[in-house]
């Protein structure tokens, strides 16, 4: 299913500096012959997101030079060093006034999550009040779908590396869990050892 009318915009958080990777920004890590950010944006499109906003931070100029991101809206987060919360706020702000009614939020460092999981989450969109999350064995993970009714609340609580976690915890009963364990693996590329998972 393709979200042809752009009601749900994808928000790819790709600003981190890769502290635990010796300062190598995750967006620039190689995967299948291309920068990881390019691969992740492609997965979102393949999963049915017609509109993709990519939040950049660490070495944003280099990411722009190396990654082919045609049709994506590139959002600079000058406060990326404050953590994922600042990138989520910048991304949600970039969607204001675009007509998007929900944001499908994905992380650049989870290459085990493919288009099928994205498509399942996209299908969970019902209205701007929708709150949904991919789940793995019943446990909430990424990506997450944030209806526009929730953006202000998410932005108000997104601090440090927390992202939407505090808001989602406070609204647990409203979250539709979309099981994806059969089609995706939710590991992160965080440490040197994790680099072995890249292809």
C-alpha atoms as a PDB file:
ATOM      1  CA  UNK A   1       0.000   0.000   0.000  1.00  0.00           C
ATOM      2  CA  UNK A   2       1.411   3.366  -0.977  1.00  0.00           C
ATOM      3  CA  UNK A   3       0.491   6.494   0.898  1.00  0.00           C
ATOM      4  CA  UNK A   4       0.018   8.398  -2.370  1.00  0.00           C
ATOM      5  CA  UNK A   5      -1.610  11.454  -0.858  1.00  0.00           C
ATOM      6  CA  UNK A   6       1.210  11.969   1.631  1.00  0.00           C
ATOM      7  CA  UNK A   7      -1.005  11.884   4.725  1.00  0.00           C
ATOM      8  CA  UNK A   8       1.766  10.033   6.528  1.00  0.00           C
ATOM      9  CA  UNK A   9       5.226  11.552   6.116  1.00  0.00           C
ATOM     10  CA  UNK A  10       8.297   9.527   7.002  1.00  0.00           C
ATOM     11  CA  UNK A  11      10.715  11.138   9.424  1.00  0.00           C
ATOM     12  CA  UNK A  12      14.191   9.600   9.297  1.00  0.00           C
ATOM     13  CA  UNK A  13      16.390  10.567  12.242  1.00  0.00           C
ATOM     14  CA  UNK A  14      19.967  10.537  10.920  1.00  0.00           C
ATOM     15  CA  UNK A  15      21.767  13.284  12.836  1.00  0.00           C
ATOM     16  CA  UNK A  16      23.843  11.357  15.377  1.00  0.00           C
ATOM     17  CA  UNK A  17      27.608  11.600  15.560  1.00  0.00           C
ATOM     18  CA  UNK A  18      28.293   7.944  16.396  1.00  0.00           C
ATOM     19  CA  UNK A  19      30.044   8.588  19.725  1.00  0.00           C
ATOM     20  CA  UNK A  20      30.440   4.867  20.445  1.00  0.00           C
ATOM     21  CA  UNK A  21      31.720   4.332  16.904  1.00  0.00           C
ATOM     22  CA  UNK A  22      34.700   6.619  17.348  1.00  0.00           C
ATOM     23  CA  UNK A  23      32.837   9.659  16.083  1.00  0.00           C
ATOM     24  CA  UNK A  24      31.724   8.171  12.770  1.00  0.00           C
ATOM     25  CA  UNK A  25      28.256   9.497  11.933  1.00  0.00           C
ATOM     26  CA  UNK A  26      25.850   6.590  11.424  1.00  0.00           C
ATOM     27  CA  UNK A  27      24.331   8.240   8.351  1.00  0.00           C
ATOM     28  CA  UNK A  28      27.664   7.767   6.531  1.00  0.00           C
ATOM     29  CA  UNK A  29      28.325   4.131   7.447  1.00  0.00           C
ATOM     30  CA  UNK A  30      28.432   1.925   4.373  1.00  0.00           C
ATOM     31  CA  UNK A  31      25.653  -0.614   3.768  1.00  0.00           C
ATOM     32  CA  UNK A  32      25.152  -2.487   0.494  1.00  0.00           C
ATOM     33  CA  UNK A  33      27.524  -0.117  -1.251  1.00  0.00           C
ATOM     34  CA  UNK A  34      25.842   3.144  -0.230  1.00  0.00           C
ATOM     35  CA  UNK A  35      25.664   5.382   2.863  1.00  0.00           C
ATOM     36  CA  UNK A  36      23.283   3.998   5.490  1.00  0.00           C
ATOM     37  CA  UNK A  37      21.084   7.110   5.309  1.00  0.00           C
ATOM     38  CA  UNK A  38      20.473   6.483   1.611  1.00  0.00           C
ATOM     39  CA  UNK A  39      19.555   2.859   2.267  1.00  0.00           C
ATOM     40  CA  UNK A  40      17.171   3.836   5.093  1.00  0.00           C
ATOM     41  CA  UNK A  41      15.425   6.506   3.010  1.00  0.00           C
ATOM     42  CA  UNK A  42      14.986   3.944   0.230  1.00  0.00           C
ATOM     43  CA  UNK A  43      13.368   1.483   2.653  1.00  0.00           C
ATOM     44  CA  UNK A  44      10.853   4.142   3.721  1.00  0.00           C
ATOM     45  CA  UNK A  45       9.940   4.887   0.112  1.00  0.00           C
ATOM     46  CA  UNK A  46       9.712   1.207  -0.759  1.00  0.00           C
ATOM     47  CA  UNK A  47       7.446   0.701   2.260  1.00  0.00           C
ATOM     48  CA  UNK A  48       5.003   3.251   0.828  1.00  0.00           C
ATOM     49  CA  UNK A  49       5.992   6.642   2.247  1.00  0.00           C
ATOM     50  CA  UNK A  50       5.634   9.162  -0.562  1.00  0.00           C
ATOM     51  CA  UNK A  51       7.202  11.943   1.483  1.00  0.00           C
ATOM     52  CA  UNK A  52      10.458  11.512   3.420  1.00  0.00           C
ATOM     53  CA  UNK A  53      12.026  14.146   5.698  1.00  0.00           C
ATOM     54  CA  UNK A  54      15.600  13.338   6.749  1.00  0.00           C
ATOM     55  CA  UNK A  55      17.021  15.054   9.841  1.00  0.00           C
ATOM     56  CA  UNK A  56      20.775  15.640   9.506  1.00  0.00           C
ATOM     57  CA  UNK A  57      23.278  16.822  12.073  1.00  0.00           C
ATOM     58  CA  UNK A  58      26.821  15.463  12.369  1.00  0.00           C
ATOM     59  CA  UNK A  59      28.777  16.178   9.172  1.00  0.00           C
ATOM     60  CA  UNK A  60      25.578  17.192   7.395  1.00  0.00           C
ATOM     61  CA  UNK A  61      27.508  18.710   4.459  1.00  0.00           C
ATOM     62  CA  UNK A  62      29.344  15.426   3.849  1.00  0.00           C
ATOM     63  CA  UNK A  63      26.075  13.479   4.036  1.00  0.00           C
ATOM     64  CA  UNK A  64      24.582  15.827   1.427  1.00  0.00           C
ATOM     65  CA  UNK A  65      27.601  15.263  -0.845  1.00  0.00           C
ATOM     66  CA  UNK A  66      27.781  11.481  -0.545  1.00  0.00           C
ATOM     67  CA  UNK A  67      24.208  10.303  -0.193  1.00  0.00           C
ATOM     68  CA  UNK A  68      21.739  10.318  -3.050  1.00  0.00           C
ATOM     69  CA  UNK A  69      18.477  11.459  -1.481  1.00  0.00           C
ATOM     70  CA  UNK A  70      16.385  12.730  -4.404  1.00  0.00           C
ATOM     71  CA  UNK A  71      12.953  13.980  -3.451  1.00  0.00           C
ATOM     72  CA  UNK A  72      13.736  13.905   0.271  1.00  0.00           C
ATOM     73  CA  UNK A  73      13.367  17.028   2.382  1.00  0.00           C
ATOM     74  CA  UNK A  74      16.675  17.503   4.232  1.00  0.00           C
ATOM     75  CA  UNK A  75      16.261  19.083   7.644  1.00  0.00           C
ATOM     76  CA  UNK A  76      19.290  20.472   9.487  1.00  0.00           C
ATOM     77  CA  UNK A  77      19.391  20.064  13.256  1.00  0.00           C
ATOM     78  CA  UNK A  78      22.074  22.436  14.537  1.00  0.00           C
ATOM     79  CA  UNK A  79      21.457  21.079  18.062  1.00  0.00           C
ATOM     80  CA  UNK A  80      22.053  17.442  17.150  1.00  0.00           C
ATOM     81  CA  UNK A  81      24.645  17.027  19.913  1.00  0.00           C
ATOM     82  CA  UNK A  82      21.833  17.359  22.468  1.00  0.00           C
ATOM     83  CA  UNK A  83      20.556  13.945  21.393  1.00  0.00           C
ATOM     84  CA  UNK A  84      17.710  12.297  19.522  1.00  0.00           C
ATOM     85  CA  UNK A  85      15.063  14.452  21.196  1.00  0.00           C
ATOM     86  CA  UNK A  86      16.302  17.571  19.423  1.00  0.00           C
ATOM     87  CA  UNK A  87      16.228  15.750  16.060  1.00  0.00           C
ATOM     88  CA  UNK A  88      12.679  14.553  16.642  1.00  0.00           C
ATOM     89  CA  UNK A  89      11.606  18.112  17.502  1.00  0.00           C
ATOM     90  CA  UNK A  90      13.330  19.493  14.368  1.00  0.00           C
ATOM     91  CA  UNK A  91      11.720  16.822  12.211  1.00  0.00           C
ATOM     92  CA  UNK A  92       8.211  17.378  13.549  1.00  0.00           C
ATOM     93  CA  UNK A  93       8.646  21.135  13.132  1.00  0.00           C
ATOM     94  CA  UNK A  94       9.596  20.570   9.470  1.00  0.00           C
ATOM     95  CA  UNK A  95       6.256  18.828   8.902  1.00  0.00           C
ATOM     96  CA  UNK A  96       4.138  21.717  10.144  1.00  0.00           C
ATOM     97  CA  UNK A  97       2.151  23.283   7.351  1.00  0.00           C
ATOM     98  CA  UNK A  98       2.821  20.414   4.917  1.00  0.00           C
ATOM     99  CA  UNK A  99      -0.587  18.803   5.268  1.00  0.00           C
ATOM    100  CA  UNK A 100       0.885  15.657   6.806  1.00  0.00           C
ATOM    101  CA  UNK A 101      -1.456  14.124   9.360  1.00  0.00           C
ATOM    102  CA  UNK A 102       1.016  11.669  10.858  1.00  0.00           C
ATOM    103  CA  UNK A 103       4.750  11.024  11.022  1.00  0.00           C
ATOM    104  CA  UNK A 104       6.290   7.584  10.659  1.00  0.00           C
ATOM    105  CA  UNK A 105       9.491   7.960  12.669  1.00  0.00           C
ATOM    106  CA  UNK A 106      12.426   5.683  11.794  1.00  0.00           C
ATOM    107  CA  UNK A 107      16.041   5.552  12.977  1.00  0.00           C
ATOM    108  CA  UNK A 108      18.942   5.480  10.520  1.00  0.00           C
ATOM    109  CA  UNK A 109      20.853   2.823  12.474  1.00  0.00           C
ATOM    110  CA  UNK A 110      18.328  -0.034  12.156  1.00  0.00           C
ATOM    111  CA  UNK A 111      19.018  -1.651   8.756  1.00  0.00           C
ATOM    112  CA  UNK A 112      17.311  -4.875   9.864  1.00  0.00           C
ATOM    113  CA  UNK A 113      13.954  -3.122   9.596  1.00  0.00           C
ATOM    114  CA  UNK A 114      12.821  -3.261   5.995  1.00  0.00           C
ATOM    115  CA  UNK A 115      10.009  -2.093   3.760  1.00  0.00           C
ATOM    116  CA  UNK A 116       7.534  -4.727   4.916  1.00  0.00           C
ATOM    117  CA  UNK A 117       7.568  -3.474   8.502  1.00  0.00           C
ATOM    118  CA  UNK A 118       7.200   0.115   7.244  1.00  0.00           C
ATOM    119  CA  UNK A 119       4.194  -0.890   5.129  1.00  0.00           C
ATOM    120  CA  UNK A 120       2.533  -2.617   8.085  1.00  0.00           C
ATOM    121  CA  UNK A 121       2.923   0.449  10.268  1.00  0.00           C
ATOM    122  CA  UNK A 122       1.715   2.737   7.496  1.00  0.00           C
ATOM    123  CA  UNK A 123      -1.441   0.626   7.247  1.00  0.00           C
ATOM    124  CA  UNK A 124      -2.125   1.305  10.951  1.00  0.00           C
ATOM    125  CA  UNK A 125      -2.809   4.988  10.197  1.00  0.00           C
ATOM    126  CA  UNK A 126      -6.430   5.838  10.872  1.00  0.00           C
ATOM    127  CA  UNK A 127      -6.564   9.548  11.772  1.00  0.00           C
ATOM    128  CA  UNK A 128      -4.409  12.345  13.238  1.00  0.00           C
ATOM    129  CA  UNK A 129      -5.166  10.761  16.622  1.00  0.00           C
ATOM    130  CA  UNK A 130      -3.363   7.528  15.670  1.00  0.00           C
ATOM    131  CA  UNK A 131      -0.515   6.280  17.860  1.00  0.00           C
ATOM    132  CA  UNK A 132       1.083   3.058  16.630  1.00  0.00           C
ATOM    133  CA  UNK A 133       4.352   1.240  17.038  1.00  0.00           C
ATOM    134  CA  UNK A 134       6.110  -1.708  15.492  1.00  0.00           C
ATOM    135  CA  UNK A 135       6.374  -4.526  18.024  1.00  0.00           C
ATOM    136  CA  UNK A 136       8.749  -7.450  18.289  1.00  0.00           C
ATOM    137  CA  UNK A 137       7.383 -10.364  20.292  1.00  0.00           C
ATOM    138  CA  UNK A 138       4.849  -7.973  21.810  1.00  0.00           C
ATOM    139  CA  UNK A 139       7.479  -5.424  22.868  1.00  0.00           C
ATOM    140  CA  UNK A 140       7.289  -1.910  21.495  1.00  0.00           C
ATOM    141  CA  UNK A 141      10.104  -0.819  19.142  1.00  0.00           C
ATOM    142  CA  UNK A 142      10.689   1.218  15.980  1.00  0.00           C
ATOM    143  CA  UNK A 143       9.397   2.581  13.726  1.00  0.00           C
ATOM    144  CA  UNK A 144       6.617   4.500  15.456  1.00  0.00           C
ATOM    145  CA  UNK A 145       3.652   6.319  13.937  1.00  0.00           C
ATOM    146  CA  UNK A 146       2.725   9.623  15.552  1.00  0.00           C
ATOM    147  CA  UNK A 147      -0.562  11.197  14.498  1.00  0.00           C
ATOM    148  CA  UNK A 148      -0.417  15.006  14.240  1.00  0.00           C
ATOM    149  CA  UNK A 149      -2.635  15.381  17.318  1.00  0.00           C
ATOM    150  CA  UNK A 150       0.323  14.085  19.360  1.00  0.00           C
ATOM    151  CA  UNK A 151       3.145  16.169  17.873  1.00  0.00           C
ATOM    152  CA  UNK A 152       3.018  19.028  20.361  1.00  0.00           C
ATOM    153  CA  UNK A 153       2.999  16.621  23.292  1.00  0.00           C
ATOM    154  CA  UNK A 154       5.854  14.587  21.852  1.00  0.00           C
ATOM    155  CA  UNK A 155       7.938  17.714  21.157  1.00  0.00           C
ATOM    156  CA  UNK A 156       7.363  18.981  24.693  1.00  0.00           C
ATOM    157  CA  UNK A 157       8.736  15.789  26.233  1.00  0.00           C
ATOM    158  CA  UNK A 158      11.479  14.920  23.709  1.00  0.00           C
ATOM    159  CA  UNK A 159      14.727  15.625  25.562  1.00  0.00           C
ATOM    160  CA  UNK A 160      18.232  14.171  25.428  1.00  0.00           C
ATOM    161  CA  UNK A 161      18.256  10.758  23.773  1.00  0.00           C
ATOM    162  CA  UNK A 162      14.705   9.969  24.845  1.00  0.00           C
ATOM    163  CA  UNK A 163      12.893  10.892  21.644  1.00  0.00           C
ATOM    164  CA  UNK A 164       9.204  10.040  22.004  1.00  0.00           C
ATOM    165  CA  UNK A 165       9.749   7.484  24.788  1.00  0.00           C
ATOM    166  CA  UNK A 166       8.328   9.528  27.671  1.00  0.00           C
ATOM    167  CA  UNK A 167       5.245  10.535  25.701  1.00  0.00           C
ATOM    168  CA  UNK A 168       4.605   6.977  24.503  1.00  0.00           C
ATOM    169  CA  UNK A 169       5.000   5.620  28.023  1.00  0.00           C
ATOM    170  CA  UNK A 170       2.424   8.105  29.284  1.00  0.00           C
ATOM    171  CA  UNK A 171       0.003   7.090  26.506  1.00  0.00           C
ATOM    172  CA  UNK A 172       0.688   3.364  26.458  1.00  0.00           C
ATOM    173  CA  UNK A 173      -2.999   2.421  26.434  1.00  0.00           C
ATOM    174  CA  UNK A 174      -3.567   4.358  23.196  1.00  0.00           C
ATOM    175  CA  UNK A 175      -0.756   2.704  21.211  1.00  0.00           C
ATOM    176  CA  UNK A 176      -1.686   0.155  18.561  1.00  0.00           C
ATOM    177  CA  UNK A 177       1.065  -2.469  18.460  1.00  0.00           C
ATOM    178  CA  UNK A 178       1.883  -3.777  14.979  1.00  0.00           C
ATOM    179  CA  UNK A 179       3.749  -7.075  15.216  1.00  0.00           C
ATOM    180  CA  UNK A 180       6.786  -7.138  12.897  1.00  0.00           C
ATOM    181  CA  UNK A 181       9.051  -9.823  14.392  1.00  0.00           C
ATOM    182  CA  UNK A 182       8.340 -12.115  11.438  1.00  0.00           C
ATOM    183  CA  UNK A 183       9.612  -9.572   8.882  1.00  0.00           C
ATOM    184  CA  UNK A 184      12.187  -7.388  10.665  1.00  0.00           C
ATOM    185  CA  UNK A 185      15.084  -7.477  13.120  1.00  0.00           C
ATOM    186  CA  UNK A 186      15.227  -4.389  15.368  1.00  0.00           C
ATOM    187  CA  UNK A 187      18.944  -4.294  16.219  1.00  0.00           C
ATOM    188  CA  UNK A 188      20.836  -0.960  16.355  1.00  0.00           C
ATOM    189  CA  UNK A 189      24.272  -0.198  14.927  1.00  0.00           C
ATOM    190  CA  UNK A 190      25.731   1.315  18.100  1.00  0.00           C
ATOM    191  CA  UNK A 191      29.171  -0.174  18.706  1.00  0.00           C
ATOM    192  CA  UNK A 192      32.186  -1.413  16.760  1.00  0.00           C
ATOM    193  CA  UNK A 193      30.938  -4.999  17.168  1.00  0.00           C
ATOM    194  CA  UNK A 194      27.603  -4.055  15.553  1.00  0.00           C
ATOM    195  CA  UNK A 195      29.372  -3.002  12.344  1.00  0.00           C
ATOM    196  CA  UNK A 196      29.552  -6.699  11.413  1.00  0.00           C
ATOM    197  CA  UNK A 197      25.792  -6.541  10.766  1.00  0.00           C
ATOM    198  CA  UNK A 198      26.282  -4.115   7.874  1.00  0.00           C
ATOM    199  CA  UNK A 199      26.605  -5.572   4.381  1.00  0.00           C
END
